[in-house]
Amino acid sequence: MLLRILIVGAVLIGAMAAIRDGRVLRDAGLLSGCNAATVNGKVEPTVLSCSKGRLDGYPDLTNKSCRMISVTANHEFWRCETPIVSSQTPTG
């Protein structure tokens, strides 16, 4: 009985950590996310391709000195003055 409680507790702690990190929710399409876009065959760190999340919609990057340059059916493209570090890319 004690072993079962410890296993359930470990699984719950692992699930909470994964959800807090955000990658699981982003990979499931529930949260938005941005990645550097490829322009003319090269990865351009100042151009971001952002996907829409089911829970939070598209991210607003205007507070990161970025401006929207294009919208397609599945992505928004933003150009930023400086590259945005992926850990600072807003998810909502």
C-alpha atoms as a PDB file:
ATOM      1  CA  MET A   1       0.000   0.000   0.000  1.00  0.00           C
ATOM      2  CA  LEU A   2       2.799   2.418   0.901  1.00  0.00           C
ATOM      3  CA  LEU A   3       4.630   1.629  -2.342  1.00  0.00           C
ATOM      4  CA  ARG A   4       1.490   2.399  -4.348  1.00  0.00           C
ATOM      5  CA  ILE A   5       1.128   5.788  -2.607  1.00  0.00           C
ATOM      6  CA  LEU A   6       4.777   6.627  -3.322  1.00  0.00           C
ATOM      7  CA  ILE A   7       4.423   5.691  -6.998  1.00  0.00           C
ATOM      8  CA  VAL A   8       1.246   7.767  -7.426  1.00  0.00           C
ATOM      9  CA  GLY A   9       2.926  10.695  -5.655  1.00  0.00           C
ATOM     10  CA  ALA A  10       5.990  10.484  -7.900  1.00  0.00           C
ATOM     11  CA  VAL A  11       3.819  10.366 -11.023  1.00  0.00           C
ATOM     12  CA  LEU A  12       1.788  13.389  -9.866  1.00  0.00           C
ATOM     13  CA  ILE A  13       4.922  15.407  -9.079  1.00  0.00           C
ATOM     14  CA  GLY A  14       6.368  14.533 -12.487  1.00  0.00           C
ATOM     15  CA  ALA A  15       3.147  15.538 -14.252  1.00  0.00           C
ATOM     16  CA  MET A  16       2.980  18.843 -12.360  1.00  0.00           C
ATOM     17  CA  ALA A  17       6.597  19.632 -13.264  1.00  0.00           C
ATOM     18  CA  ALA A  18       5.990  18.827 -16.937  1.00  0.00           C
ATOM     19  CA  ILE A  19       2.884  21.012 -17.080  1.00  0.00           C
ATOM     20  CA  ARG A  20       4.604  23.892 -15.272  1.00  0.00           C
ATOM     21  CA  ASP A  21       7.465  23.751 -17.775  1.00  0.00           C
ATOM     22  CA  GLY A  22       4.947  24.290 -20.591  1.00  0.00           C
ATOM     23  CA  ARG A  23       6.552  22.041 -23.200  1.00  0.00           C
ATOM     24  CA  VAL A  24       3.932  19.326 -22.810  1.00  0.00           C
ATOM     25  CA  LEU A  25       1.079  21.801 -23.265  1.00  0.00           C
ATOM     26  CA  ARG A  26       2.864  23.508 -26.187  1.00  0.00           C
ATOM     27  CA  ASP A  27       3.574  20.167 -27.897  1.00  0.00           C
ATOM     28  CA  ALA A  28      -0.094  19.226 -27.476  1.00  0.00           C
ATOM     29  CA  GLY A  29      -1.093  22.472 -29.227  1.00  0.00           C
ATOM     30  CA  LEU A  30      -2.751  23.952 -26.152  1.00  0.00           C
ATOM     31  CA  LEU A  31      -0.274  26.832 -25.751  1.00  0.00           C
ATOM     32  CA  SER A  32       1.184  29.069 -28.442  1.00  0.00           C
ATOM     33  CA  GLY A  33       4.851  28.972 -29.347  1.00  0.00           C
ATOM     34  CA  CYS A  34       7.381  30.766 -31.533  1.00  0.00           C
ATOM     35  CA  ASN A  35      10.480  29.596 -33.371  1.00  0.00           C
ATOM     36  CA  ALA A  36      13.033  31.332 -35.561  1.00  0.00           C
ATOM     37  CA  ALA A  37      11.821  31.290 -39.161  1.00  0.00           C
ATOM     38  CA  THR A  38      13.762  30.219 -42.238  1.00  0.00           C
ATOM     39  CA  VAL A  39      14.220  33.053 -44.740  1.00  0.00           C
ATOM     40  CA  ASN A  40      15.875  32.363 -48.102  1.00  0.00           C
ATOM     41  CA  GLY A  41      17.145  28.999 -46.847  1.00  0.00           C
ATOM     42  CA  LYS A  42      18.767  30.420 -43.693  1.00  0.00           C
ATOM     43  CA  VAL A  43      17.454  30.509 -40.139  1.00  0.00           C
ATOM     44  CA  GLU A  44      16.818  34.161 -39.331  1.00  0.00           C
ATOM     45  CA  PRO A  45      16.826  34.734 -35.527  1.00  0.00           C
ATOM     46  CA  THR A  46      15.042  38.101 -35.797  1.00  0.00           C
ATOM     47  CA  VAL A  47      12.059  36.637 -37.708  1.00  0.00           C
ATOM     48  CA  LEU A  48       9.750  34.452 -35.655  1.00  0.00           C
ATOM     49  CA  SER A  49       7.062  32.049 -36.818  1.00  0.00           C
ATOM     50  CA  CYS A  50       4.385  31.733 -34.129  1.00  0.00           C
ATOM     51  CA  SER A  51       1.700  29.090 -33.923  1.00  0.00           C
ATOM     52  CA  LYS A  52      -1.678  29.537 -32.271  1.00  0.00           C
ATOM     53  CA  GLY A  53      -2.501  27.734 -29.034  1.00  0.00           C
ATOM     54  CA  ARG A  54      -5.991  26.410 -28.323  1.00  0.00           C
ATOM     55  CA  LEU A  55      -5.991  27.967 -24.852  1.00  0.00           C
ATOM     56  CA  ASP A  56      -4.155  31.242 -25.387  1.00  0.00           C
ATOM     57  CA  GLY A  57      -4.374  32.067 -29.116  1.00  0.00           C
ATOM     58  CA  TYR A  58      -1.447  33.754 -30.857  1.00  0.00           C
ATOM     59  CA  PRO A  59       1.237  35.428 -28.714  1.00  0.00           C
ATOM     60  CA  ASP A  60       1.544  39.225 -28.689  1.00  0.00           C
ATOM     61  CA  LEU A  61       5.205  40.124 -29.248  1.00  0.00           C
ATOM     62  CA  THR A  62       4.743  43.906 -29.388  1.00  0.00           C
ATOM     63  CA  ASN A  63       6.167  44.234 -25.864  1.00  0.00           C
ATOM     64  CA  LYS A  64       9.387  42.565 -27.140  1.00  0.00           C
ATOM     65  CA  SER A  65      10.017  45.293 -29.773  1.00  0.00           C
ATOM     66  CA  CYS A  66       8.587  43.129 -32.550  1.00  0.00           C
ATOM     67  CA  ARG A  67       6.095  43.920 -35.306  1.00  0.00           C
ATOM     68  CA  MET A  68       3.864  41.534 -37.199  1.00  0.00           C
ATOM     69  CA  ILE A  69       4.904  41.181 -40.837  1.00  0.00           C
ATOM     70  CA  SER A  70       2.695  38.392 -42.180  1.00  0.00           C
ATOM     71  CA  VAL A  71      -0.242  36.148 -41.308  1.00  0.00           C
ATOM     72  CA  THR A  72      -0.998  32.764 -42.872  1.00  0.00           C
ATOM     73  CA  ALA A  73      -3.681  30.198 -42.081  1.00  0.00           C
ATOM     74  CA  ASN A  74      -1.558  28.542 -39.373  1.00  0.00           C
ATOM     75  CA  HIS A  75       1.170  31.033 -38.385  1.00  0.00           C
ATOM     76  CA  GLU A  76       1.919  34.658 -37.630  1.00  0.00           C
ATOM     77  CA  PHE A  77       5.344  35.995 -38.605  1.00  0.00           C
ATOM     78  CA  TRP A  78       7.016  38.675 -36.520  1.00  0.00           C
ATOM     79  CA  ARG A  79      10.207  40.683 -37.109  1.00  0.00           C
ATOM     80  CA  CYS A  80      12.054  41.732 -33.974  1.00  0.00           C
ATOM     81  CA  GLU A  81      14.782  44.325 -33.539  1.00  0.00           C
ATOM     82  CA  THR A  82      17.001  41.791 -31.781  1.00  0.00           C
ATOM     83  CA  PRO A  83      16.845  37.991 -31.526  1.00  0.00           C
ATOM     84  CA  ILE A  84      14.603  36.767 -28.744  1.00  0.00           C
ATOM     85  CA  VAL A  85      16.013  34.047 -26.502  1.00  0.00           C
ATOM     86  CA  SER A  86      13.685  31.033 -26.679  1.00  0.00           C
ATOM     87  CA  SER A  87      13.241  30.923 -22.893  1.00  0.00           C
ATOM     88  CA  GLN A  88      11.902  34.509 -23.050  1.00  0.00           C
ATOM     89  CA  THR A  89       9.508  33.913 -25.945  1.00  0.00           C
ATOM     90  CA  PRO A  90       6.044  34.499 -24.543  1.00  0.00           C
ATOM     91  CA  THR A  91       3.566  31.726 -24.737  1.00  0.00           C
ATOM     92  CA  GLY A  92       0.515  33.804 -24.514  1.00  0.00           C
END
